[in-house]
């Protein structure tokens, strides 16, 4: 009908950061160790990697290459002085639902 508004479904996905664990950046055939967290410092100014808590949004995904040997060792507070070989932005969870579809014409 003339004068009726066209409407779209404006629902949004609930996306979360997630750790992808199937990377092999050094090409040695072994998956690298990946941990979500953030780079920080201790009271003395030493660089640390802080593992993200379950309810915390991580800043980065730390990657420790498998060719260097074992992955990092974290203390009771979830920190390690073994800095990652590289950091990357964490991936978003997948959302394959259709969005912004025409709901009324």
PDB file of N, CA and C in Angstrom:
ATOM      1  N   UNK A   1       0.827  -1.164   0.000  1.00  0.00           N
ATOM      2  CA  UNK A   1       0.000   0.000   0.000  1.00  0.00           C
ATOM      3  C   UNK A   1       0.883   1.243   0.000  1.00  0.00           C
ATOM      4  N   UNK A   2       0.483   2.249  -0.700  1.00  0.00           N
ATOM      5  CA  UNK A   2       1.252   3.486  -0.704  1.00  0.00           C
ATOM      6  C   UNK A   2       1.315   4.096   0.690  1.00  0.00           C
ATOM      7  N   UNK A   3       2.467   4.614   1.035  1.00  0.00           N
ATOM      8  CA  UNK A   3       2.654   5.242   2.330  1.00  0.00           C
ATOM      9  C   UNK A   3       3.139   4.296   3.405  1.00  0.00           C
ATOM     10  N   UNK A   4       3.093   2.994   3.147  1.00  0.00           N
ATOM     11  CA  UNK A   4       3.605   2.013   4.111  1.00  0.00           C
ATOM     12  C   UNK A   4       5.132   2.049   4.075  1.00  0.00           C
ATOM     13  N   UNK A   5       5.734   1.810   5.217  1.00  0.00           N
ATOM     14  CA  UNK A   5       7.201   1.835   5.301  1.00  0.00           C
ATOM     15  C   UNK A   5       7.778   0.474   4.968  1.00  0.00           C
ATOM     16  N   UNK A   6       8.878   0.496   4.287  1.00  0.00           N
ATOM     17  CA  UNK A   6       9.621  -0.730   4.054  1.00  0.00           C
ATOM     18  C   UNK A   6      10.428  -1.030   5.309  1.00  0.00           C
ATOM     19  N   UNK A   7      10.390  -2.271   5.764  1.00  0.00           N
ATOM     20  CA  UNK A   7      11.070  -2.634   7.004  1.00  0.00           C
ATOM     21  C   UNK A   7      12.078  -3.750   6.745  1.00  0.00           C
ATOM     22  N   UNK A   8      13.149  -3.671   7.507  1.00  0.00           N
ATOM     23  CA  UNK A   8      14.194  -4.687   7.439  1.00  0.00           C
ATOM     24  C   UNK A   8      14.378  -5.316   8.811  1.00  0.00           C
ATOM     25  N   UNK A   9      14.752  -6.558   8.804  1.00  0.00           N
ATOM     26  CA  UNK A   9      15.085  -7.259  10.048  1.00  0.00           C
ATOM     27  C   UNK A   9      16.462  -6.757  10.486  1.00  0.00           C
ATOM     28  N   UNK A  10      16.507  -6.085  11.635  1.00  0.00           N
ATOM     29  CA  UNK A  10      17.766  -5.499  12.112  1.00  0.00           C
ATOM     30  C   UNK A  10      18.449  -6.316  13.182  1.00  0.00           C
ATOM     31  N   UNK A  11      18.175  -7.604  13.254  1.00  0.00           N
ATOM     32  CA  UNK A  11      18.808  -8.417  14.304  1.00  0.00           C
ATOM     33  C   UNK A  11      20.314  -8.491  14.084  1.00  0.00           C
ATOM     34  N   UNK A  12      21.008  -8.586  15.191  1.00  0.00           N
ATOM     35  CA  UNK A  12      22.469  -8.641  15.129  1.00  0.00           C
ATOM     36  C   UNK A  12      22.960  -9.945  15.737  1.00  0.00           C
ATOM     37  N   UNK A  13      24.080 -10.367  15.259  1.00  0.00           N
ATOM     38  CA  UNK A  13      24.692 -11.584  15.777  1.00  0.00           C
ATOM     39  C   UNK A  13      25.412 -11.297  17.093  1.00  0.00           C
ATOM     40  N   UNK A  14      25.503 -12.301  17.922  1.00  0.00           N
ATOM     41  CA  UNK A  14      26.293 -12.209  19.139  1.00  0.00           C
ATOM     42  C   UNK A  14      27.648 -12.847  18.819  1.00  0.00           C
ATOM     43  N   UNK A  15      28.609 -12.008  18.526  1.00  0.00           N
ATOM     44  CA  UNK A  15      29.930 -12.500  18.137  1.00  0.00           C
ATOM     45  C   UNK A  15      30.879 -12.444  19.321  1.00  0.00           C
ATOM     46  N   UNK A  16      31.762 -13.419  19.393  1.00  0.00           N
ATOM     47  CA  UNK A  16      32.762 -13.476  20.451  1.00  0.00           C
ATOM     48  C   UNK A  16      34.126 -13.728  19.822  1.00  0.00           C
ATOM     49  N   UNK A  17      35.162 -13.314  20.531  1.00  0.00           N
ATOM     50  CA  UNK A  17      36.514 -13.613  20.081  1.00  0.00           C
ATOM     51  C   UNK A  17      36.817 -15.065  20.409  1.00  0.00           C
ATOM     52  N   UNK A  18      37.505 -15.746  19.506  1.00  0.00           N
ATOM     53  CA  UNK A  18      37.851 -17.141  19.737  1.00  0.00           C
ATOM     54  C   UNK A  18      39.272 -17.418  19.275  1.00  0.00           C
ATOM     55  N   UNK A  19      39.854 -18.410  19.902  1.00  0.00           N
ATOM     56  CA  UNK A  19      41.233 -18.792  19.577  1.00  0.00           C
ATOM     57  C   UNK A  19      41.237 -19.847  18.484  1.00  0.00           C
ATOM     58  N   UNK A  20      41.837 -19.535  17.381  1.00  0.00           N
ATOM     59  CA  UNK A  20      42.043 -20.534  16.338  1.00  0.00           C
ATOM     60  C   UNK A  20      43.305 -21.305  16.695  1.00  0.00           C
ATOM     61  N   UNK A  21      43.214 -22.608  16.666  1.00  0.00           N
ATOM     62  CA  UNK A  21      44.324 -23.439  17.142  1.00  0.00           C
ATOM     63  C   UNK A  21      44.984 -24.259  16.044  1.00  0.00           C
ATOM     64  N   UNK A  22      44.669 -23.998  14.797  1.00  0.00           N
ATOM     65  CA  UNK A  22      45.193 -24.821  13.713  1.00  0.00           C
ATOM     66  C   UNK A  22      46.195 -24.069  12.836  1.00  0.00           C
ATOM     67  N   UNK A  23      47.010 -23.242  13.454  1.00  0.00           N
ATOM     68  CA  UNK A  23      48.023 -22.498  12.702  1.00  0.00           C
ATOM     69  C   UNK A  23      49.359 -23.220  12.751  1.00  0.00           C
ATOM     70  N   UNK A  24      50.080 -23.120  11.645  1.00  0.00           N
ATOM     71  CA  UNK A  24      51.448 -23.631  11.567  1.00  0.00           C
ATOM     72  C   UNK A  24      52.273 -22.581  10.843  1.00  0.00           C
ATOM     73  N   UNK A  25      52.544 -21.468  11.538  1.00  0.00           N
ATOM     74  CA  UNK A  25      53.239 -20.346  10.922  1.00  0.00           C
ATOM     75  C   UNK A  25      54.691 -20.661  10.572  1.00  0.00           C
ATOM     76  N   UNK A  26      55.326 -21.579  11.300  1.00  0.00           N
ATOM     77  CA  UNK A  26      56.728 -21.895  11.007  1.00  0.00           C
ATOM     78  C   UNK A  26      56.884 -23.039  10.010  1.00  0.00           C
ATOM     79  N   UNK A  27      55.764 -23.638   9.567  1.00  0.00           N
ATOM     80  CA  UNK A  27      55.802 -24.632   8.502  1.00  0.00           C
ATOM     81  C   UNK A  27      56.490 -25.938   8.855  1.00  0.00           C
ATOM     82  N   UNK A  28      56.519 -26.315  10.131  1.00  0.00           N
ATOM     83  CA  UNK A  28      57.198 -27.550  10.521  1.00  0.00           C
ATOM     84  C   UNK A  28      56.258 -28.748  10.611  1.00  0.00           C
ATOM     85  N   UNK A  29      54.984 -28.571  10.235  1.00  0.00           N
ATOM     86  CA  UNK A  29      54.030 -29.665  10.261  1.00  0.00           C
ATOM     87  C   UNK A  29      53.361 -29.870  11.614  1.00  0.00           C
ATOM     88  N   UNK A  30      53.693 -29.046  12.614  1.00  0.00           N
ATOM     89  CA  UNK A  30      53.086 -29.135  13.945  1.00  0.00           C
ATOM     90  C   UNK A  30      52.297 -27.848  14.187  1.00  0.00           C
ATOM     91  N   UNK A  31      51.126 -27.984  14.833  1.00  0.00           N
ATOM     92  CA  UNK A  31      50.353 -26.791  15.157  1.00  0.00           C
ATOM     93  C   UNK A  31      51.079 -25.979  16.218  1.00  0.00           C
ATOM     94  N   UNK A  32      51.051 -24.655  16.067  1.00  0.00           N
ATOM     95  CA  UNK A  32      51.664 -23.747  17.031  1.00  0.00           C
ATOM     96  C   UNK A  32      50.728 -23.577  18.226  1.00  0.00           C
ATOM     97  N   UNK A  33      51.275 -23.185  19.379  1.00  0.00           N
ATOM     98  CA  UNK A  33      50.476 -22.943  20.579  1.00  0.00           C
ATOM     99  C   UNK A  33      49.888 -21.543  20.500  1.00  0.00           C
ATOM    100  N   UNK A  34      48.567 -21.433  20.676  1.00  0.00           N
ATOM    101  CA  UNK A  34      47.893 -20.137  20.627  1.00  0.00           C
ATOM    102  C   UNK A  34      47.105 -19.928  21.908  1.00  0.00           C
ATOM    103  N   UNK A  35      47.180 -18.707  22.458  1.00  0.00           N
ATOM    104  CA  UNK A  35      46.495 -18.367  23.703  1.00  0.00           C
ATOM    105  C   UNK A  35      45.918 -16.958  23.573  1.00  0.00           C
ATOM    106  N   UNK A  36      44.655 -16.796  23.963  1.00  0.00           N
ATOM    107  CA  UNK A  36      44.034 -15.471  23.985  1.00  0.00           C
ATOM    108  C   UNK A  36      44.454 -14.733  25.247  1.00  0.00           C
ATOM    109  N   UNK A  37      44.739 -13.442  25.126  1.00  0.00           N
ATOM    110  CA  UNK A  37      45.144 -12.667  26.296  1.00  0.00           C
ATOM    111  C   UNK A  37      45.526 -11.250  25.936  1.00  0.00           C
ATOM    112  N   UNK A  38      46.519 -10.734  26.666  1.00  0.00           N
ATOM    113  CA  UNK A  38      46.989  -9.369  26.413  1.00  0.00           C
ATOM    114  C   UNK A  38      48.440  -9.254  26.860  1.00  0.00           C
ATOM    115  N   UNK A  39      49.130  -8.301  26.278  1.00  0.00           N
ATOM    116  CA  UNK A  39      50.505  -7.994  26.681  1.00  0.00           C
ATOM    117  C   UNK A  39      50.443  -6.967  27.793  1.00  0.00           C
ATOM    118  N   UNK A  40      51.229  -7.160  28.834  1.00  0.00           N
ATOM    119  CA  UNK A  40      51.204  -6.281  29.991  1.00  0.00           C
ATOM    120  C   UNK A  40      52.600  -6.211  30.607  1.00  0.00           C
ATOM    121  N   UNK A  41      52.735  -5.510  31.724  1.00  0.00           N
ATOM    122  CA  UNK A  41      54.018  -5.393  32.437  1.00  0.00           C
ATOM    123  C   UNK A  41      53.797  -5.697  33.910  1.00  0.00           C
ATOM    124  N   UNK A  42      54.846  -6.174  34.578  1.00  0.00           N
ATOM    125  CA  UNK A  42      54.778  -6.346  36.025  1.00  0.00           C
ATOM    126  C   UNK A  42      55.245  -5.062  36.706  1.00  0.00           C
ATOM    127  N   UNK A  43      55.325  -5.060  38.030  1.00  0.00           N
ATOM    128  CA  UNK A  43      55.677  -3.863  38.798  1.00  0.00           C
ATOM    129  C   UNK A  43      57.074  -3.342  38.470  1.00  0.00           C
ATOM    130  N   UNK A  44      57.977  -4.243  38.057  1.00  0.00           N
ATOM    131  CA  UNK A  44      59.343  -3.835  37.722  1.00  0.00           C
ATOM    132  C   UNK A  44      59.497  -3.401  36.266  1.00  0.00           C
ATOM    133  N   UNK A  45      58.418  -3.449  35.497  1.00  0.00           N
ATOM    134  CA  UNK A  45      58.481  -3.031  34.093  1.00  0.00           C
ATOM    135  C   UNK A  45      58.831  -4.150  33.132  1.00  0.00           C
ATOM    136  N   UNK A  46      58.855  -5.407  33.613  1.00  0.00           N
ATOM    137  CA  UNK A  46      59.131  -6.544  32.732  1.00  0.00           C
ATOM    138  C   UNK A  46      57.885  -6.875  31.913  1.00  0.00           C
ATOM    139  N   UNK A  47      58.079  -7.172  30.634  1.00  0.00           N
ATOM    140  CA  UNK A  47      56.956  -7.530  29.768  1.00  0.00           C
ATOM    141  C   UNK A  47      56.430  -8.906  30.135  1.00  0.00           C
ATOM    142  N   UNK A  48      55.094  -9.032  30.133  1.00  0.00           N
ATOM    143  CA  UNK A  48      54.418 -10.290  30.441  1.00  0.00           C
ATOM    144  C   UNK A  48      53.301 -10.521  29.437  1.00  0.00           C
ATOM    145  N   UNK A  49      52.907 -11.779  29.320  1.00  0.00           N
ATOM    146  CA  UNK A  49      51.694 -12.115  28.584  1.00  0.00           C
ATOM    147  C   UNK A  49      50.684 -12.615  29.609  1.00  0.00           C
ATOM    148  N   UNK A  50      49.508 -12.003  29.637  1.00  0.00           N
ATOM    149  CA  UNK A  50      48.436 -12.350  30.577  1.00  0.00           C
ATOM    150  C   UNK A  50      47.356 -13.116  29.828  1.00  0.00           C
ATOM    151  N   UNK A  51      47.117 -14.368  30.233  1.00  0.00           N
ATOM    152  CA  UNK A  51      46.057 -15.169  29.617  1.00  0.00           C
ATOM    153  C   UNK A  51      44.702 -14.560  29.982  1.00  0.00           C
ATOM    154  N   UNK A  52      43.776 -14.507  29.022  1.00  0.00           N
ATOM    155  CA  UNK A  52      42.449 -13.933  29.246  1.00  0.00           C
ATOM    156  C   UNK A  52      41.610 -14.885  30.087  1.00  0.00           C
ATOM    157  N   UNK A  53      40.858 -14.319  31.023  1.00  0.00           N
ATOM    158  CA  UNK A  53      39.909 -15.101  31.813  1.00  0.00           C
ATOM    159  C   UNK A  53      38.704 -15.438  30.931  1.00  0.00           C
ATOM    160  N   UNK A  54      37.897 -16.403  31.367  1.00  0.00           N
ATOM    161  CA  UNK A  54      36.720 -16.835  30.595  1.00  0.00           C
ATOM    162  C   UNK A  54      35.784 -15.686  30.245  1.00  0.00           C
ATOM    163  N   UNK A  55      35.566 -14.761  31.175  1.00  0.00           N
ATOM    164  CA  UNK A  55      34.612 -13.674  30.971  1.00  0.00           C
ATOM    165  C   UNK A  55      35.258 -12.389  30.461  1.00  0.00           C
ATOM    166  N   UNK A  56      36.520 -12.462  30.066  1.00  0.00           N
ATOM    167  CA  UNK A  56      37.272 -11.280  29.635  1.00  0.00           C
ATOM    168  C   UNK A  56      37.437 -11.278  28.121  1.00  0.00           C
ATOM    169  N   UNK A  57      37.333 -10.103  27.522  1.00  0.00           N
ATOM    170  CA  UNK A  57      37.564  -9.970  26.089  1.00  0.00           C
ATOM    171  C   UNK A  57      39.061  -9.787  25.852  1.00  0.00           C
ATOM    172  N   UNK A  58      39.690 -10.688  25.106  1.00  0.00           N
ATOM    173  CA  UNK A  58      41.141 -10.598  24.900  1.00  0.00           C
ATOM    174  C   UNK A  58      41.508  -9.485  23.921  1.00  0.00           C
ATOM    175  N   UNK A  59      42.731  -8.956  24.099  1.00  0.00           N
ATOM    176  CA  UNK A  59      43.260  -7.950  23.177  1.00  0.00           C
ATOM    177  C   UNK A  59      43.934  -8.601  21.972  1.00  0.00           C
ATOM    178  N   UNK A  60      44.676  -9.670  22.234  1.00  0.00           N
ATOM    179  CA  UNK A  60      45.462 -10.335  21.195  1.00  0.00           C
ATOM    180  C   UNK A  60      45.402 -11.846  21.363  1.00  0.00           C
ATOM    181  N   UNK A  61      45.868 -12.539  20.336  1.00  0.00           N
ATOM    182  CA  UNK A  61      46.103 -13.974  20.418  1.00  0.00           C
ATOM    183  C   UNK A  61      47.612 -14.159  20.303  1.00  0.00           C
ATOM    184  N   UNK A  62      48.221 -14.662  21.377  1.00  0.00           N
ATOM    185  CA  UNK A  62      49.648 -14.925  21.349  1.00  0.00           C
ATOM    186  C   UNK A  62      49.925 -16.244  20.652  1.00  0.00           C
ATOM    187  N   UNK A  63      50.983 -16.282  19.848  1.00  0.00           N
ATOM    188  CA  UNK A  63      51.356 -17.501  19.122  1.00  0.00           C
ATOM    189  C   UNK A  63      52.796 -17.845  19.461  1.00  0.00           C
ATOM    190  N   UNK A  64      52.999 -19.049  20.010  1.00  0.00           N
ATOM    191  CA  UNK A  64      54.327 -19.575  20.290  1.00  0.00           C
ATOM    192  C   UNK A  64      54.593 -20.659  19.256  1.00  0.00           C
ATOM    193  N   UNK A  65      55.627 -20.460  18.446  1.00  0.00           N
ATOM    194  CA  UNK A  65      55.934 -21.382  17.358  1.00  0.00           C
ATOM    195  C   UNK A  65      56.350 -22.742  17.905  1.00  0.00           C
ATOM    196  N   UNK A  66      55.855 -23.796  17.261  1.00  0.00           N
ATOM    197  CA  UNK A  66      56.148 -25.152  17.723  1.00  0.00           C
ATOM    198  C   UNK A  66      57.612 -25.522  17.527  1.00  0.00           C
ATOM    199  N   UNK A  67      58.301 -24.861  16.616  1.00  0.00           N
ATOM    200  CA  UNK A  67      59.702 -25.181  16.355  1.00  0.00           C
ATOM    201  C   UNK A  67      60.628 -24.739  17.486  1.00  0.00           C
ATOM    202  N   UNK A  68      60.149 -23.930  18.409  1.00  0.00           N
ATOM    203  CA  UNK A  68      60.983 -23.481  19.534  1.00  0.00           C
ATOM    204  C   UNK A  68      60.958 -24.483  20.676  1.00  0.00           C
ATOM    205  N   UNK A  69      60.129 -25.524  20.573  1.00  0.00           N
ATOM    206  CA  UNK A  69      60.030 -26.524  21.638  1.00  0.00           C
ATOM    207  C   UNK A  69      58.655 -26.496  22.258  1.00  0.00           C
ATOM    208  N   UNK A  70      58.591 -26.434  23.569  1.00  0.00           N
ATOM    209  CA  UNK A  70      57.298 -26.459  24.261  1.00  0.00           C
ATOM    210  C   UNK A  70      56.665 -25.071  24.277  1.00  0.00           C
ATOM    211  N   UNK A  71      55.362 -25.048  24.598  1.00  0.00           N
ATOM    212  CA  UNK A  71      54.638 -23.791  24.709  1.00  0.00           C
ATOM    213  C   UNK A  71      54.949 -23.103  26.020  1.00  0.00           C
ATOM    214  N   UNK A  72      54.280 -21.992  26.306  1.00  0.00           N
ATOM    215  CA  UNK A  72      54.555 -21.210  27.513  1.00  0.00           C
ATOM    216  C   UNK A  72      54.056 -21.910  28.781  1.00  0.00           C
ATOM    217  N   UNK A  73      54.642 -21.536  29.904  1.00  0.00           N
ATOM    218  CA  UNK A  73      54.209 -22.003  31.214  1.00  0.00           C
ATOM    219  C   UNK A  73      53.614 -20.812  31.953  1.00  0.00           C
ATOM    220  N   UNK A  74      52.356 -20.933  32.387  1.00  0.00           N
ATOM    221  CA  UNK A  74      51.662 -19.847  33.060  1.00  0.00           C
ATOM    222  C   UNK A  74      51.666 -20.073  34.567  1.00  0.00           C
ATOM    223  N   UNK A  75      51.767 -18.974  35.337  1.00  0.00           N
ATOM    224  CA  UNK A  75      51.703 -19.075  36.800  1.00  0.00           C
ATOM    225  C   UNK A  75      50.243 -19.091  37.247  1.00  0.00           C
ATOM    226  N   UNK A  76      50.003 -19.078  38.548  1.00  0.00           N
ATOM    227  CA  UNK A  76      48.647 -19.157  39.102  1.00  0.00           C
ATOM    228  C   UNK A  76      47.774 -17.969  38.697  1.00  0.00           C
ATOM    229  N   UNK A  77      48.390 -16.826  38.404  1.00  0.00           N
ATOM    230  CA  UNK A  77      47.631 -15.640  37.968  1.00  0.00           C
ATOM    231  C   UNK A  77      47.400 -15.616  36.461  1.00  0.00           C
ATOM    232  N   UNK A  78      47.851 -16.643  35.746  1.00  0.00           N
ATOM    233  CA  UNK A  78      47.681 -16.693  34.299  1.00  0.00           C
ATOM    234  C   UNK A  78      48.673 -15.850  33.539  1.00  0.00           C
ATOM    235  N   UNK A  79      49.864 -15.606  34.110  1.00  0.00           N
ATOM    236  CA  UNK A  79      50.889 -14.790  33.452  1.00  0.00           C
ATOM    237  C   UNK A  79      52.107 -15.639  33.106  1.00  0.00           C
ATOM    238  N   UNK A  80      52.816 -15.193  32.090  1.00  0.00           N
ATOM    239  CA  UNK A  80      54.078 -15.819  31.723  1.00  0.00           C
ATOM    240  C   UNK A  80      55.049 -14.758  31.233  1.00  0.00           C
ATOM    241  N   UNK A  81      56.331 -14.969  31.535  1.00  0.00           N
ATOM    242  CA  UNK A  81      57.376 -14.086  31.014  1.00  0.00           C
ATOM    243  C   UNK A  81      57.836 -14.545  29.636  1.00  0.00           C
ATOM    244  N   UNK A  82      57.388 -15.724  29.203  1.00  0.00           N
ATOM    245  CA  UNK A  82      57.716 -16.240  27.869  1.00  0.00           C
ATOM    246  C   UNK A  82      56.802 -15.542  26.866  1.00  0.00           C
ATOM    247  N   UNK A  83      57.292 -14.474  26.282  1.00  0.00           N
ATOM    248  CA  UNK A  83      56.476 -13.702  25.340  1.00  0.00           C
ATOM    249  C   UNK A  83      56.251 -14.499  24.065  1.00  0.00           C
ATOM    250  N   UNK A  84      55.097 -14.307  23.429  1.00  0.00           N
ATOM    251  CA  UNK A  84      54.811 -15.035  22.187  1.00  0.00           C
ATOM    252  C   UNK A  84      55.765 -14.623  21.068  1.00  0.00           C
ATOM    253  N   UNK A  85      55.969 -15.547  20.132  1.00  0.00           N
ATOM    254  CA  UNK A  85      56.795 -15.249  18.963  1.00  0.00           C
ATOM    255  C   UNK A  85      56.117 -14.224  18.069  1.00  0.00           C
ATOM    256  N   UNK A  86      54.800 -14.240  18.051  1.00  0.00           N
ATOM    257  CA  UNK A  86      54.045 -13.240  17.314  1.00  0.00           C
ATOM    258  C   UNK A  86      52.676 -13.092  17.958  1.00  0.00           C
ATOM    259  N   UNK A  87      52.043 -11.976  17.705  1.00  0.00           N
ATOM    260  CA  UNK A  87      50.674 -11.760  18.171  1.00  0.00           C
ATOM    261  C   UNK A  87      49.821 -11.394  16.973  1.00  0.00           C
ATOM    262  N   UNK A  88      48.545 -11.704  17.091  1.00  0.00           N
ATOM    263  CA  UNK A  88      47.595 -11.382  16.028  1.00  0.00           C
ATOM    264  C   UNK A  88      46.274 -11.027  16.684  1.00  0.00           C
ATOM    265  N   UNK A  89      45.415 -10.365  15.960  1.00  0.00           N
ATOM    266  CA  UNK A  89      44.076 -10.080  16.474  1.00  0.00           C
ATOM    267  C   UNK A  89      43.289 -11.385  16.499  1.00  0.00           C
ATOM    268  N   UNK A  90      42.560 -11.642  17.581  1.00  0.00           N
ATOM    269  CA  UNK A  90      41.768 -12.872  17.646  1.00  0.00           C
ATOM    270  C   UNK A  90      40.669 -12.879  16.585  1.00  0.00           C
ATOM    271  N   UNK A  91      40.307 -14.070  16.137  1.00  0.00           N
ATOM    272  CA  UNK A  91      39.229 -14.222  15.171  1.00  0.00           C
ATOM    273  C   UNK A  91      37.883 -14.018  15.868  1.00  0.00           C
ATOM    274  N   UNK A  92      36.888 -13.646  15.087  1.00  0.00           N
ATOM    275  CA  UNK A  92      35.513 -13.569  15.580  1.00  0.00           C
ATOM    276  C   UNK A  92      34.848 -14.914  15.351  1.00  0.00           C
ATOM    277  N   UNK A  93      33.912 -15.262  16.223  1.00  0.00           N
ATOM    278  CA  UNK A  93      33.155 -16.492  16.029  1.00  0.00           C
ATOM    279  C   UNK A  93      32.360 -16.378  14.727  1.00  0.00           C
ATOM    280  N   UNK A  94      32.084 -17.518  14.122  1.00  0.00           N
ATOM    281  CA  UNK A  94      31.388 -17.535  12.837  1.00  0.00           C
ATOM    282  C   UNK A  94      29.899 -17.258  13.016  1.00  0.00           C
ATOM    283  N   UNK A  95      29.332 -16.530  12.073  1.00  0.00           N
ATOM    284  CA  UNK A  95      27.894 -16.272  12.037  1.00  0.00           C
ATOM    285  C   UNK A  95      27.469 -16.323  10.581  1.00  0.00           C
ATOM    286  N   UNK A  96      26.763 -17.389  10.208  1.00  0.00           N
ATOM    287  CA  UNK A  96      26.362 -17.562   8.816  1.00  0.00           C
ATOM    288  C   UNK A  96      24.868 -17.347   8.610  1.00  0.00           C
ATOM    289  N   UNK A  97      24.194 -16.744   9.618  1.00  0.00           N
ATOM    290  CA  UNK A  97      22.785 -16.434   9.483  1.00  0.00           C
ATOM    291  C   UNK A  97      22.604 -15.215   8.584  1.00  0.00           C
ATOM    292  N   UNK A  98      21.485 -15.201   7.870  1.00  0.00           N
ATOM    293  CA  UNK A  98      21.167 -14.041   7.037  1.00  0.00           C
ATOM    294  C   UNK A  98      20.787 -12.873   7.937  1.00  0.00           C
ATOM    295  N   UNK A  99      21.256 -11.690   7.612  1.00  0.00           N
ATOM    296  CA  UNK A  99      20.980 -10.482   8.395  1.00  0.00           C
ATOM    297  C   UNK A  99      20.454  -9.390   7.465  1.00  0.00           C
ATOM    298  N   UNK A 100      19.711  -8.447   8.033  1.00  0.00           N
ATOM    299  CA  UNK A 100      19.167  -7.284   7.323  1.00  0.00           C
ATOM    300  C   UNK A 100      18.288  -7.679   6.136  1.00  0.00           C
ATOM    301  N   UNK A 101      17.491  -8.716   6.333  1.00  0.00           N
ATOM    302  CA  UNK A 101      16.576  -9.144   5.284  1.00  0.00           C
ATOM    303  C   UNK A 101      15.322  -8.266   5.292  1.00  0.00           C
ATOM    304  N   UNK A 102      14.724  -8.138   4.141  1.00  0.00           N
ATOM    305  CA  UNK A 102      13.479  -7.393   4.004  1.00  0.00           C
ATOM    306  C   UNK A 102      12.389  -8.139   4.772  1.00  0.00           C
ATOM    307  N   UNK A 103      11.727  -7.475   5.735  1.00  0.00           N
ATOM    308  CA  UNK A 103      10.687  -8.143   6.518  1.00  0.00           C
ATOM    309  C   UNK A 103       9.284  -7.636   6.166  1.00  0.00           C
ATOM    310  N   UNK A 104       9.185  -6.445   5.588  1.00  0.00           N
ATOM    311  CA  UNK A 104       7.878  -5.907   5.196  1.00  0.00           C
ATOM    312  C   UNK A 104       8.080  -4.933   4.053  1.00  0.00           C
ATOM    313  N   UNK A 105       7.220  -5.042   3.064  1.00  0.00           N
ATOM    314  CA  UNK A 105       7.305  -4.157   1.919  1.00  0.00           C
ATOM    315  C   UNK A 105       5.982  -3.452   1.740  1.00  0.00           C
TER     316      UNK A 105
END
